[in-house]
């Protein structure tokens, strides 16, 4: 249906995490099962405060802060 191509450096370094990037990186971080895009969409939506479908730097920082064990 869609030809998936390797993202360019510009695409990877745009300052955002989108659904496709999350889907591509999770297996590289050690998640054994490949998650469906819909699951990645739900993960992004949980911290996407402005509703743009991506995690920006501020949203990422809030996610990391909430993940820290004190």
PDB file of N, CA and C in Angstrom:
ATOM      1  N   UNK A   1       0.824  -1.179   0.000  1.00  0.00           N
ATOM      2  CA  UNK A   1       0.000   0.000   0.000  1.00  0.00           C
ATOM      3  C   UNK A   1       0.877   1.254   0.000  1.00  0.00           C
ATOM      4  N   UNK A   2       1.620   1.476   1.066  1.00  0.00           N
ATOM      5  CA  UNK A   2       2.538   2.610   1.135  1.00  0.00           C
ATOM      6  C   UNK A   2       3.957   2.073   1.184  1.00  0.00           C
ATOM      7  N   UNK A   3       4.814   2.672   0.405  1.00  0.00           N
ATOM      8  CA  UNK A   3       6.215   2.284   0.466  1.00  0.00           C
ATOM      9  C   UNK A   3       6.858   3.015   1.624  1.00  0.00           C
ATOM     10  N   UNK A   4       7.392   2.234   2.577  1.00  0.00           N
ATOM     11  CA  UNK A   4       8.057   2.854   3.714  1.00  0.00           C
ATOM     12  C   UNK A   4       9.509   3.087   3.353  1.00  0.00           C
ATOM     13  N   UNK A   5       9.952   4.317   3.528  1.00  0.00           N
ATOM     14  CA  UNK A   5      11.340   4.637   3.228  1.00  0.00           C
ATOM     15  C   UNK A   5      12.025   5.039   4.522  1.00  0.00           C
ATOM     16  N   UNK A   6      13.313   4.958   4.527  1.00  0.00           N
ATOM     17  CA  UNK A   6      14.078   5.402   5.692  1.00  0.00           C
ATOM     18  C   UNK A   6      13.931   6.907   5.836  1.00  0.00           C
ATOM     19  N   UNK A   7      13.692   7.378   7.056  1.00  0.00           N
ATOM     20  CA  UNK A   7      13.559   8.826   7.249  1.00  0.00           C
ATOM     21  C   UNK A   7      14.899   9.530   7.062  1.00  0.00           C
ATOM     22  N   UNK A   8      14.819  10.759   6.634  1.00  0.00           N
ATOM     23  CA  UNK A   8      16.036  11.551   6.483  1.00  0.00           C
ATOM     24  C   UNK A   8      16.461  12.083   7.838  1.00  0.00           C
ATOM     25  N   UNK A   9      17.703  12.549   7.946  1.00  0.00           N
ATOM     26  CA  UNK A   9      18.175  13.139   9.194  1.00  0.00           C
ATOM     27  C   UNK A   9      17.333  14.339   9.579  1.00  0.00           C
ATOM     28  N   UNK A  10      16.906  15.117   8.605  1.00  0.00           N
ATOM     29  CA  UNK A  10      16.080  16.278   8.902  1.00  0.00           C
ATOM     30  C   UNK A  10      14.767  15.851   9.541  1.00  0.00           C
ATOM     31  N   UNK A  11      14.196  14.764   9.045  1.00  0.00           N
ATOM     32  CA  UNK A  11      12.936  14.270   9.579  1.00  0.00           C
ATOM     33  C   UNK A  11      13.128  13.755  11.001  1.00  0.00           C
ATOM     34  N   UNK A  12      14.231  13.075  11.259  1.00  0.00           N
ATOM     35  CA  UNK A  12      14.477  12.518  12.582  1.00  0.00           C
ATOM     36  C   UNK A  12      14.855  13.585  13.593  1.00  0.00           C
ATOM     37  N   UNK A  13      15.358  14.700  13.169  1.00  0.00           N
ATOM     38  CA  UNK A  13      15.830  15.721  14.095  1.00  0.00           C
ATOM     39  C   UNK A  13      14.956  16.972  14.047  1.00  0.00           C
ATOM     40  N   UNK A  14      13.662  16.768  13.897  1.00  0.00           N
ATOM     41  CA  UNK A  14      12.770  17.916  13.825  1.00  0.00           C
ATOM     42  C   UNK A  14      12.297  18.385  15.197  1.00  0.00           C
ATOM     43  N   UNK A  15      12.687  17.680  16.258  1.00  0.00           N
ATOM     44  CA  UNK A  15      12.315  18.085  17.603  1.00  0.00           C
ATOM     45  C   UNK A  15      11.011  17.487  18.090  1.00  0.00           C
ATOM     46  N   UNK A  16      10.437  16.579  17.322  1.00  0.00           N
ATOM     47  CA  UNK A  16       9.170  15.967  17.686  1.00  0.00           C
ATOM     48  C   UNK A  16       9.283  14.449  17.607  1.00  0.00           C
ATOM     49  N   UNK A  17       8.425  13.774  18.366  1.00  0.00           N
ATOM     50  CA  UNK A  17       8.277  12.325  18.256  1.00  0.00           C
ATOM     51  C   UNK A  17       6.871  12.089  17.713  1.00  0.00           C
ATOM     52  N   UNK A  18       6.785  11.485  16.539  1.00  0.00           N
ATOM     53  CA  UNK A  18       5.467  11.193  15.984  1.00  0.00           C
ATOM     54  C   UNK A  18       5.199   9.689  16.055  1.00  0.00           C
ATOM     55  N   UNK A  19       4.040   9.297  15.622  1.00  0.00           N
ATOM     56  CA  UNK A  19       3.617   7.908  15.734  1.00  0.00           C
ATOM     57  C   UNK A  19       4.554   6.973  14.984  1.00  0.00           C
ATOM     58  N   UNK A  20       4.922   7.331  13.766  1.00  0.00           N
ATOM     59  CA  UNK A  20       5.801   6.474  12.959  1.00  0.00           C
ATOM     60  C   UNK A  20       7.169   6.332  13.595  1.00  0.00           C
ATOM     61  N   UNK A  21       7.706   7.423  14.146  1.00  0.00           N
ATOM     62  CA  UNK A  21       9.020   7.354  14.800  1.00  0.00           C
ATOM     63  C   UNK A  21       8.960   6.472  16.046  1.00  0.00           C
ATOM     64  N   UNK A  22       7.907   6.624  16.836  1.00  0.00           N
ATOM     65  CA  UNK A  22       7.752   5.790  18.027  1.00  0.00           C
ATOM     66  C   UNK A  22       7.645   4.326  17.634  1.00  0.00           C
ATOM     67  N   UNK A  23       6.868   4.044  16.611  1.00  0.00           N
ATOM     68  CA  UNK A  23       6.693   2.669  16.130  1.00  0.00           C
ATOM     69  C   UNK A  23       8.019   2.067  15.669  1.00  0.00           C
ATOM     70  N   UNK A  24       8.848   2.884  15.052  1.00  0.00           N
ATOM     71  CA  UNK A  24      10.123   2.420  14.526  1.00  0.00           C
ATOM     72  C   UNK A  24      11.169   2.224  15.638  1.00  0.00           C
ATOM     73  N   UNK A  25      11.123   3.048  16.692  1.00  0.00           N
ATOM     74  CA  UNK A  25      12.178   3.015  17.689  1.00  0.00           C
ATOM     75  C   UNK A  25      11.921   2.034  18.840  1.00  0.00           C
ATOM     76  N   UNK A  26      10.666   1.719  19.133  1.00  0.00           N
ATOM     77  CA  UNK A  26      10.385   0.840  20.267  1.00  0.00           C
ATOM     78  C   UNK A  26      11.113  -0.499  20.197  1.00  0.00           C
ATOM     79  N   UNK A  27      11.131  -1.194  19.058  1.00  0.00           N
ATOM     80  CA  UNK A  27      11.895  -2.451  19.008  1.00  0.00           C
ATOM     81  C   UNK A  27      13.393  -2.242  19.255  1.00  0.00           C
ATOM     82  N   UNK A  28      13.921  -1.107  18.850  1.00  0.00           N
ATOM     83  CA  UNK A  28      15.337  -0.811  19.064  1.00  0.00           C
ATOM     84  C   UNK A  28      15.644  -0.544  20.534  1.00  0.00           C
ATOM     85  N   UNK A  29      14.601  -0.193  21.305  1.00  0.00           N
ATOM     86  CA  UNK A  29      14.762   0.049  22.739  1.00  0.00           C
ATOM     87  C   UNK A  29      14.526  -1.206  23.571  1.00  0.00           C
ATOM     88  N   UNK A  30      14.307  -2.326  22.882  1.00  0.00           N
ATOM     89  CA  UNK A  30      14.196  -3.593  23.582  1.00  0.00           C
ATOM     90  C   UNK A  30      12.792  -4.142  23.740  1.00  0.00           C
ATOM     91  N   UNK A  31      11.794  -3.443  23.220  1.00  0.00           N
ATOM     92  CA  UNK A  31      10.447  -3.996  23.267  1.00  0.00           C
ATOM     93  C   UNK A  31      10.380  -5.135  22.263  1.00  0.00           C
ATOM     94  N   UNK A  32      10.119  -6.329  22.760  1.00  0.00           N
ATOM     95  CA  UNK A  32      10.190  -7.515  21.922  1.00  0.00           C
ATOM     96  C   UNK A  32       9.077  -7.580  20.888  1.00  0.00           C
ATOM     97  N   UNK A  33       7.873  -7.264  21.305  1.00  0.00           N
ATOM     98  CA  UNK A  33       6.779  -7.335  20.332  1.00  0.00           C
ATOM     99  C   UNK A  33       6.637  -5.996  19.618  1.00  0.00           C
ATOM    100  N   UNK A  34       6.359  -6.070  18.359  1.00  0.00           N
ATOM    101  CA  UNK A  34       6.149  -4.862  17.576  1.00  0.00           C
ATOM    102  C   UNK A  34       4.733  -4.371  17.857  1.00  0.00           C
ATOM    103  N   UNK A  35       4.628  -3.147  18.312  1.00  0.00           N
ATOM    104  CA  UNK A  35       3.319  -2.602  18.636  1.00  0.00           C
ATOM    105  C   UNK A  35       2.624  -2.117  17.380  1.00  0.00           C
ATOM    106  N   UNK A  36       1.329  -2.240  17.392  1.00  0.00           N
ATOM    107  CA  UNK A  36       0.525  -1.730  16.278  1.00  0.00           C
ATOM    108  C   UNK A  36       0.587  -0.208  16.290  1.00  0.00           C
ATOM    109  N   UNK A  37       0.408   0.378  15.122  1.00  0.00           N
ATOM    110  CA  UNK A  37       0.414   1.845  15.033  1.00  0.00           C
ATOM    111  C   UNK A  37      -0.657   2.452  15.932  1.00  0.00           C
ATOM    112  N   UNK A  38      -1.787   1.772  16.078  1.00  0.00           N
ATOM    113  CA  UNK A  38      -2.842   2.297  16.932  1.00  0.00           C
ATOM    114  C   UNK A  38      -2.386   2.379  18.389  1.00  0.00           C
ATOM    115  N   UNK A  39      -1.609   1.412  18.836  1.00  0.00           N
ATOM    116  CA  UNK A  39      -1.072   1.439  20.197  1.00  0.00           C
ATOM    117  C   UNK A  39      -0.097   2.604  20.352  1.00  0.00           C
ATOM    118  N   UNK A  40       0.718   2.847  19.351  1.00  0.00           N
ATOM    119  CA  UNK A  40       1.640   3.989  19.388  1.00  0.00           C
ATOM    120  C   UNK A  40       0.853   5.303  19.398  1.00  0.00           C
ATOM    121  N   UNK A  41      -0.228   5.342  18.649  1.00  0.00           N
ATOM    122  CA  UNK A  41      -1.093   6.534  18.625  1.00  0.00           C
ATOM    123  C   UNK A  41      -1.643   6.820  20.021  1.00  0.00           C
ATOM    124  N   UNK A  42      -2.047   5.774  20.732  1.00  0.00           N
ATOM    125  CA  UNK A  42      -2.561   5.928  22.093  1.00  0.00           C
ATOM    126  C   UNK A  42      -1.465   6.402  23.048  1.00  0.00           C
ATOM    127  N   UNK A  43      -0.262   5.878  22.866  1.00  0.00           N
ATOM    128  CA  UNK A  43       0.860   6.294  23.716  1.00  0.00           C
ATOM    129  C   UNK A  43       1.172   7.775  23.506  1.00  0.00           C
ATOM    130  N   UNK A  44       1.185   8.216  22.259  1.00  0.00           N
ATOM    131  CA  UNK A  44       1.436   9.629  21.953  1.00  0.00           C
ATOM    132  C   UNK A  44       0.309  10.484  22.546  1.00  0.00           C
ATOM    133  N   UNK A  45      -0.932  10.075  22.359  1.00  0.00           N
ATOM    134  CA  UNK A  45      -2.083  10.858  22.817  1.00  0.00           C
ATOM    135  C   UNK A  45      -2.076  11.062  24.324  1.00  0.00           C
ATOM    136  N   UNK A  46      -1.501  10.136  25.071  1.00  0.00           N
ATOM    137  CA  UNK A  46      -1.489  10.247  26.531  1.00  0.00           C
ATOM    138  C   UNK A  46      -0.708  11.473  27.012  1.00  0.00           C
ATOM    139  N   UNK A  47       0.259  11.939  26.234  1.00  0.00           N
ATOM    140  CA  UNK A  47       1.087  13.082  26.645  1.00  0.00           C
ATOM    141  C   UNK A  47       1.055  14.237  25.661  1.00  0.00           C
ATOM    142  N   UNK A  48       0.255  14.122  24.631  1.00  0.00           N
ATOM    143  CA  UNK A  48       0.164  15.161  23.603  1.00  0.00           C
ATOM    144  C   UNK A  48      -0.820  16.242  24.060  1.00  0.00           C
ATOM    145  N   UNK A  49      -0.317  17.198  24.809  1.00  0.00           N
ATOM    146  CA  UNK A  49      -1.177  18.219  25.409  1.00  0.00           C
ATOM    147  C   UNK A  49      -1.803  19.170  24.398  1.00  0.00           C
ATOM    148  N   UNK A  50      -1.106  19.460  23.309  1.00  0.00           N
ATOM    149  CA  UNK A  50      -1.652  20.426  22.343  1.00  0.00           C
ATOM    150  C   UNK A  50      -2.416  19.752  21.202  1.00  0.00           C
ATOM    151  N   UNK A  51      -2.483  18.430  21.204  1.00  0.00           N
ATOM    152  CA  UNK A  51      -3.305  17.707  20.243  1.00  0.00           C
ATOM    153  C   UNK A  51      -2.804  17.688  18.814  1.00  0.00           C
ATOM    154  N   UNK A  52      -1.500  17.884  18.620  1.00  0.00           N
ATOM    155  CA  UNK A  52      -0.979  17.904  17.248  1.00  0.00           C
ATOM    156  C   UNK A  52      -0.530  16.532  16.747  1.00  0.00           C
ATOM    157  N   UNK A  53      -0.701  15.496  17.572  1.00  0.00           N
ATOM    158  CA  UNK A  53      -0.336  14.144  17.152  1.00  0.00           C
ATOM    159  C   UNK A  53       1.134  13.831  17.296  1.00  0.00           C
ATOM    160  N   UNK A  54       1.874  14.729  17.961  1.00  0.00           N
ATOM    161  CA  UNK A  54       3.307  14.529  18.166  1.00  0.00           C
ATOM    162  C   UNK A  54       3.652  14.933  19.601  1.00  0.00           C
ATOM    163  N   UNK A  55       4.779  14.440  20.066  1.00  0.00           N
ATOM    164  CA  UNK A  55       5.301  14.851  21.362  1.00  0.00           C
ATOM    165  C   UNK A  55       6.401  15.862  21.100  1.00  0.00           C
ATOM    166  N   UNK A  56       6.227  17.066  21.637  1.00  0.00           N
ATOM    167  CA  UNK A  56       7.282  18.075  21.503  1.00  0.00           C
ATOM    168  C   UNK A  56       8.185  18.029  22.729  1.00  0.00           C
ATOM    169  N   UNK A  57       9.177  18.880  22.773  1.00  0.00           N
ATOM    170  CA  UNK A  57      10.161  18.824  23.852  1.00  0.00           C
ATOM    171  C   UNK A  57       9.519  19.017  25.219  1.00  0.00           C
ATOM    172  N   UNK A  58       8.658  20.010  25.365  1.00  0.00           N
ATOM    173  CA  UNK A  58       8.024  20.270  26.663  1.00  0.00           C
ATOM    174  C   UNK A  58       7.166  19.091  27.120  1.00  0.00           C
ATOM    175  N   UNK A  59       6.435  18.495  26.197  1.00  0.00           N
ATOM    176  CA  UNK A  59       5.618  17.327  26.527  1.00  0.00           C
ATOM    177  C   UNK A  59       6.512  16.154  26.910  1.00  0.00           C
ATOM    178  N   UNK A  60       7.634  16.000  26.225  1.00  0.00           N
ATOM    179  CA  UNK A  60       8.575  14.924  26.543  1.00  0.00           C
ATOM    180  C   UNK A  60       9.157  15.109  27.933  1.00  0.00           C
ATOM    181  N   UNK A  61       9.522  16.344  28.282  1.00  0.00           N
ATOM    182  CA  UNK A  61      10.072  16.621  29.615  1.00  0.00           C
ATOM    183  C   UNK A  61       9.046  16.269  30.689  1.00  0.00           C
ATOM    184  N   UNK A  62       7.797  16.643  30.489  1.00  0.00           N
ATOM    185  CA  UNK A  62       6.746  16.318  31.463  1.00  0.00           C
ATOM    186  C   UNK A  62       6.575  14.812  31.591  1.00  0.00           C
ATOM    187  N   UNK A  63       6.636  14.110  30.471  1.00  0.00           N
ATOM    188  CA  UNK A  63       6.552  12.650  30.504  1.00  0.00           C
ATOM    189  C   UNK A  63       7.704  12.063  31.307  1.00  0.00           C
ATOM    190  N   UNK A  64       8.909  12.538  31.055  1.00  0.00           N
ATOM    191  CA  UNK A  64      10.078  12.018  31.774  1.00  0.00           C
ATOM    192  C   UNK A  64       9.998  12.339  33.255  1.00  0.00           C
ATOM    193  N   UNK A  65       9.554  13.542  33.602  1.00  0.00           N
ATOM    194  CA  UNK A  65       9.416  13.915  35.009  1.00  0.00           C
ATOM    195  C   UNK A  65       8.403  13.019  35.714  1.00  0.00           C
ATOM    196  N   UNK A  66       7.320  12.691  35.032  1.00  0.00           N
ATOM    197  CA  UNK A  66       6.308  11.844  35.647  1.00  0.00           C
ATOM    198  C   UNK A  66       6.765  10.398  35.739  1.00  0.00           C
ATOM    199  N   UNK A  67       7.784  10.032  34.981  1.00  0.00           N
ATOM    200  CA  UNK A  67       8.285   8.656  34.973  1.00  0.00           C
ATOM    201  C   UNK A  67       9.392   8.416  35.998  1.00  0.00           C
ATOM    202  N   UNK A  68       9.953   9.489  36.544  1.00  0.00           N
ATOM    203  CA  UNK A  68      11.048   9.350  37.499  1.00  0.00           C
ATOM    204  C   UNK A  68      10.548   8.761  38.801  1.00  0.00           C
ATOM    205  N   UNK A  69      11.342   7.855  39.348  1.00  0.00           N
ATOM    206  CA  UNK A  69      11.023   7.268  40.647  1.00  0.00           C
ATOM    207  C   UNK A  69      11.796   8.061  41.693  1.00  0.00           C
ATOM    208  N   UNK A  70      11.069   8.624  42.636  1.00  0.00           N
ATOM    209  CA  UNK A  70      11.703   9.455  43.676  1.00  0.00           C
ATOM    210  C   UNK A  70      12.033   8.624  44.896  1.00  0.00           C
TER     211      UNK A  70
END
